[in-house]
Structures are given as structure tokens and as C-alpha cells.
Protein backbone atom coordinates (compact mmCIF):
# COMPACT_ATOMS: atom_id res chain seq x y z
CA MET A 1 -147.95 47.36 -26.50
CA ASN A 2 -145.49 44.73 -27.66
CA ARG A 3 -145.70 44.22 -31.42
CA THR A 4 -142.77 41.79 -31.61
CA PRO A 5 -144.97 38.66 -32.06
CA GLU A 6 -146.91 40.31 -34.93
CA ILE A 7 -143.72 41.32 -36.72
CA LEU A 8 -142.24 37.85 -36.30
CA ALA A 9 -145.45 36.24 -37.65
CA GLN A 10 -145.33 38.44 -40.76
CA LEU A 11 -141.62 37.66 -41.26
CA LYS A 12 -142.38 33.93 -40.98
CA LEU A 13 -144.99 34.28 -43.75
CA LEU A 14 -142.42 36.12 -45.84
CA VAL A 15 -139.88 33.33 -45.27
CA ASN A 16 -142.48 30.68 -46.25
CA HIS A 17 -143.36 32.54 -49.49
CA ASN A 18 -139.66 33.05 -50.37
CA PRO A 19 -137.84 29.91 -49.18
CA LYS A 20 -134.85 30.54 -51.46
CA ASN A 21 -134.13 34.02 -50.09
CA GLU A 22 -131.39 33.44 -47.51
CA ILE A 23 -131.27 37.05 -46.30
CA ILE A 24 -134.90 36.99 -45.15
CA ALA A 25 -134.37 33.59 -43.48
CA GLN A 26 -131.24 34.78 -41.66
CA ASN A 27 -132.95 37.95 -40.39
CA TYR A 28 -135.98 35.99 -39.21
CA ALA A 29 -133.76 33.48 -37.37
CA TYR A 30 -131.82 36.33 -35.75
CA LEU A 31 -134.94 38.09 -34.48
CA GLU A 32 -136.70 34.90 -33.38
CA LYS A 33 -133.66 33.86 -31.34
CA ARG A 34 -133.56 37.25 -29.60
CA GLN A 35 -137.27 37.65 -28.94
CA PRO A 36 -136.84 37.54 -25.11
CA GLN A 37 -134.37 40.41 -25.37
CA MET A 38 -136.82 42.64 -27.27
CA GLN A 39 -139.45 43.11 -24.56
CA TYR A 40 -139.12 46.90 -24.72
CA PRO A 41 -142.55 47.85 -23.27
CA LEU A 42 -141.84 45.61 -20.25
CA TYR A 43 -138.40 47.15 -19.83
CA GLN A 44 -139.81 50.67 -20.03
CA ARG A 45 -142.46 49.87 -17.39
CA GLN A 46 -139.65 48.65 -15.13
CA GLN A 47 -137.74 51.89 -15.93
CA TRP A 48 -134.78 50.11 -17.49
CA PRO A 49 -132.77 52.09 -20.04
CA ILE A 50 -133.30 50.72 -23.54
CA GLY A 51 -131.08 53.09 -25.51
CA SER A 52 -127.34 52.74 -26.08
CA GLY A 53 -126.47 56.36 -25.24
CA MET A 54 -125.69 55.60 -21.61
CA VAL A 55 -123.31 52.78 -22.55
CA GLU A 56 -121.58 54.87 -25.21
CA SER A 57 -121.17 57.74 -22.78
CA ALA A 58 -119.78 55.41 -20.10
CA ASN A 59 -117.32 54.00 -22.62
CA LYS A 60 -116.08 57.50 -23.37
CA LEU A 61 -115.93 58.68 -19.75
CA VAL A 62 -114.77 55.49 -18.02
CA VAL A 63 -112.70 53.60 -20.57
CA GLU A 64 -111.27 56.09 -23.02
CA THR A 65 -110.30 58.71 -20.44
CA ARG A 66 -108.21 56.17 -18.54
CA LEU A 67 -106.72 54.18 -21.39
CA LYS A 68 -106.32 56.67 -24.22
CA GLY A 69 -104.53 59.54 -22.51
CA ALA A 70 -101.56 61.22 -24.13
CA GLY A 71 -98.51 58.97 -24.14
CA MET A 72 -100.29 55.97 -22.61
CA HIS A 73 -99.36 52.50 -23.78
CA TRP A 74 -100.95 49.36 -22.39
CA LYS A 75 -100.13 45.68 -22.53
CA ARG A 76 -103.17 43.70 -23.62
CA ASP A 77 -103.07 41.62 -20.40
CA ASN A 78 -103.34 44.73 -18.21
CA VAL A 79 -106.35 46.38 -19.87
CA ASN A 80 -109.17 44.29 -18.34
CA PRO A 81 -107.86 44.46 -14.75
CA MET A 82 -107.44 48.24 -15.10
CA LEU A 83 -110.97 48.63 -16.48
CA ALA A 84 -112.39 46.48 -13.68
CA LEU A 85 -110.80 48.77 -11.09
CA ARG A 86 -111.94 51.85 -13.00
CA ASN A 87 -115.53 50.54 -13.09
CA ILE A 88 -115.47 49.94 -9.34
CA ILE A 89 -114.27 53.50 -8.73
CA CYS A 90 -116.76 55.09 -11.12
CA SER A 91 -119.70 53.18 -9.62
CA ASP A 92 -118.77 54.21 -6.05
CA ARG A 93 -118.20 50.60 -4.94
CA TRP A 94 -114.53 50.92 -3.94
CA ASP A 95 -115.11 50.57 -0.18
CA GLN A 96 -117.07 47.33 -0.65
CA GLU A 97 -114.93 45.75 -3.37
CA TRP A 98 -111.32 46.65 -2.52
CA PRO A 99 -111.07 44.53 0.67
CA ARG A 100 -112.16 41.45 -1.31
CA ILE A 101 -109.73 42.24 -4.14
CA ALA A 102 -106.85 42.82 -1.71
CA HIS A 103 -107.62 39.56 0.10
CA ARG A 104 -107.65 37.64 -3.19
CA LEU A 105 -104.34 39.20 -4.26
CA ARG A 106 -102.74 38.28 -0.92
CA GLN A 107 -104.03 34.72 -1.32
CA GLN A 108 -102.51 34.49 -4.80
CA VAL A 109 -99.13 35.68 -3.51
CA PHE A 110 -99.33 33.19 -0.65
CA GLN A 111 -100.17 30.33 -3.03
CA ARG A 112 -97.27 31.22 -5.34
CA LYS A 113 -94.83 31.32 -2.39
CA LYS A 114 -96.19 28.04 -1.05
CA ALA A 115 -95.84 26.36 -4.46
CA ARG A 116 -92.30 27.68 -4.81
CA LEU A 117 -91.32 26.36 -1.35
CA LEU A 118 -92.86 22.94 -1.95
CA LYS A 119 -91.29 22.55 -5.37
CA PRO A 120 -87.89 20.84 -5.22
CA PRO A 121 -85.06 23.07 -6.43
CA GLN A 122 -84.02 22.39 -9.99
CA ASN A 123 -80.61 23.35 -11.19
CA ASP A 124 -80.61 23.05 -14.97
CA GLN A 125 -76.91 23.88 -15.12
CA PHE A 126 -75.73 21.00 -12.93
CA ILE A 127 -73.18 18.80 -14.70
CA PRO A 128 -72.18 15.52 -13.08
CA SER A 129 -68.51 15.46 -12.10
CA THR A 130 -67.96 12.40 -14.28
CA GLN A 131 -68.45 14.61 -17.37
CA ILE A 132 -65.90 17.22 -16.28
CA SER A 133 -62.23 16.77 -17.07
CA PRO A 134 -59.83 16.35 -14.10
CA THR A 135 -57.94 19.50 -15.15
CA VAL A 136 -61.07 21.65 -14.92
CA LEU A 137 -61.95 20.12 -11.55
CA ALA A 138 -58.46 20.89 -10.21
CA LEU A 139 -58.60 24.48 -11.44
CA ALA A 140 -62.06 24.99 -9.92
CA SER A 141 -61.02 23.55 -6.56
CA ASN A 142 -57.90 25.76 -6.49
CA ALA A 143 -60.05 28.81 -7.25
CA VAL A 144 -62.40 27.94 -4.39
CA LYS A 145 -59.45 27.46 -2.02
CA ARG A 146 -57.93 30.82 -2.98
CA LYS A 147 -61.27 32.59 -2.58
CA SER A 148 -61.90 31.12 0.87
CA SER A 149 -58.31 31.58 2.07
CA PRO A 150 -57.75 34.65 4.33
CA ASN A 151 -54.31 35.25 2.79
CA THR A 152 -55.64 36.10 -0.64
CA THR A 153 -54.01 39.04 -2.33
CA GLN A 154 -56.06 41.94 -3.56
CA ASN A 155 -56.75 42.01 -7.24
CA THR A 156 -55.01 45.10 -8.56
CA ASN A 157 -57.21 45.25 -11.65
CA HIS A 158 -60.25 46.33 -9.65
CA PRO A 159 -60.31 49.81 -8.10
CA ASP A 160 -60.22 50.10 -4.33
CA HIS A 161 -63.34 52.07 -3.46
CA THR A 162 -62.08 53.00 -0.01
CA LYS A 163 -59.52 55.38 -1.51
CA SER A 164 -60.25 58.76 -3.02
CA ARG A 165 -61.04 58.73 -6.71
CA LYS A 166 -59.19 61.96 -7.38
CA PRO A 167 -55.80 61.60 -9.05
CA SER A 168 -52.79 62.18 -6.86
CA PRO A 169 -51.02 65.58 -7.05
CA ASP A 170 -48.19 64.14 -9.13
CA HIS A 171 -50.51 62.31 -11.57
CA PRO A 172 -49.86 63.19 -15.25
CA TRP A 173 -53.44 64.37 -15.72
CA ARG A 174 -52.84 67.12 -13.20
CA HIS A 175 -50.16 68.57 -15.47
CA SER A 176 -52.11 68.35 -18.71
CA PRO A 177 -51.89 71.32 -21.05
CA ILE A 178 -55.62 71.08 -21.74
CA GLY A 179 -57.32 74.18 -20.53
CA LYS A 180 -54.09 76.11 -20.16
CA ALA A 181 -53.11 78.88 -22.51
CA ARG A 182 -50.68 77.64 -25.10
CA TYR A 183 -49.88 81.04 -26.46
CA HIS A 184 -47.91 83.36 -24.25
CA SER A 185 -47.68 86.86 -25.54
CA SER A 186 -44.24 88.26 -25.70
CA LYS A 187 -43.58 91.49 -23.96
CA ILE A 188 -43.48 94.37 -26.36
């Protein structure tokens, strides 16, 4: 038996007798607005759960176990996608849902690549040659010529990685006193 209409009628009388009491008016407005959601006898006949225990338990088992493990840190933007995947797994819908998710992800990648290819290249660092001094232009062109020339000399400041990295036998580090005994006992 649904007693919601009776309770709302009595609350309306209470509001009419106490028009200055804002708390009663707010509570009545709240319940009247949510009357379709409070059809508990109907929900019970249809075998719908009406308690919050199932939701609280799911929050603990589905959400907290995945997101609140030891040492876990999450970016705010990544929480909802992770929970969506976790819900699909926990409700045994992975085989139905993953192909659609994968297809959508591939479409997003394709759209990003397509947009990048269609977008004209923008070089923010381009400076027209009229704004560059002739000296800098000459130096830059000489550097390009040297780099492209086959007769360029090797830069001796950079190590040659084709050679061994061990010091040669006559290198000063090979004759370092570190690690050698400095005290020689005299013969007695």
C-alpha cells in the first residue's frame, strides 16, 4: 500500500497552517517533486532493490578496490574512464562492449591523424630574412655549406664512439697511485 499521497496531503495542510515556516515548505516541495521516485510498493512488486546497501557495496568492491590501492595516484581526467572499464568488467559485459570501445578509440586516432594532415604546417619560429642581419645570414649559410660538404673535419670535442672507451696503456690514469700501497715496509 502506497501511503505517499496521504503523507503529502498532511504535509500540505501543515504548510498551509504554518506559511511562515520555511523548513516545512522546503521539505514539502522536496517530497512533492520526487513523488514519482517514491513508488516503493510498485518497485517491490517488480522486485527492484530499494535499499542503498547494494550500491554502497558495489562502490567498495568496484571503485575503491581499483582506485584506492596502496601507492595509487590518479589524475582526475583518468578516473571516469577507468571506472567505466571496471564497471564493464565487473558486470561481465566485456565481450560485448570492448569491440565497440576499441572501434571508437581507433576512429578517434584516425580523426586526429586526418586533422593533423589536413592542417597546414605552422612554424612559429620562422623569421623573414628581411629581419635577419646580413652577417647572421652569411654565418648560417657557411655553417650549412660546411655541414653538407664531404670534406668536413671531425670535431675533436666529441668522443668517437667507434673507438674503445678504455684509456690507453700509457694514459696517466693507468699509473695512478690510488689503490696502490703507499707504505712499503722496510726489511728488518
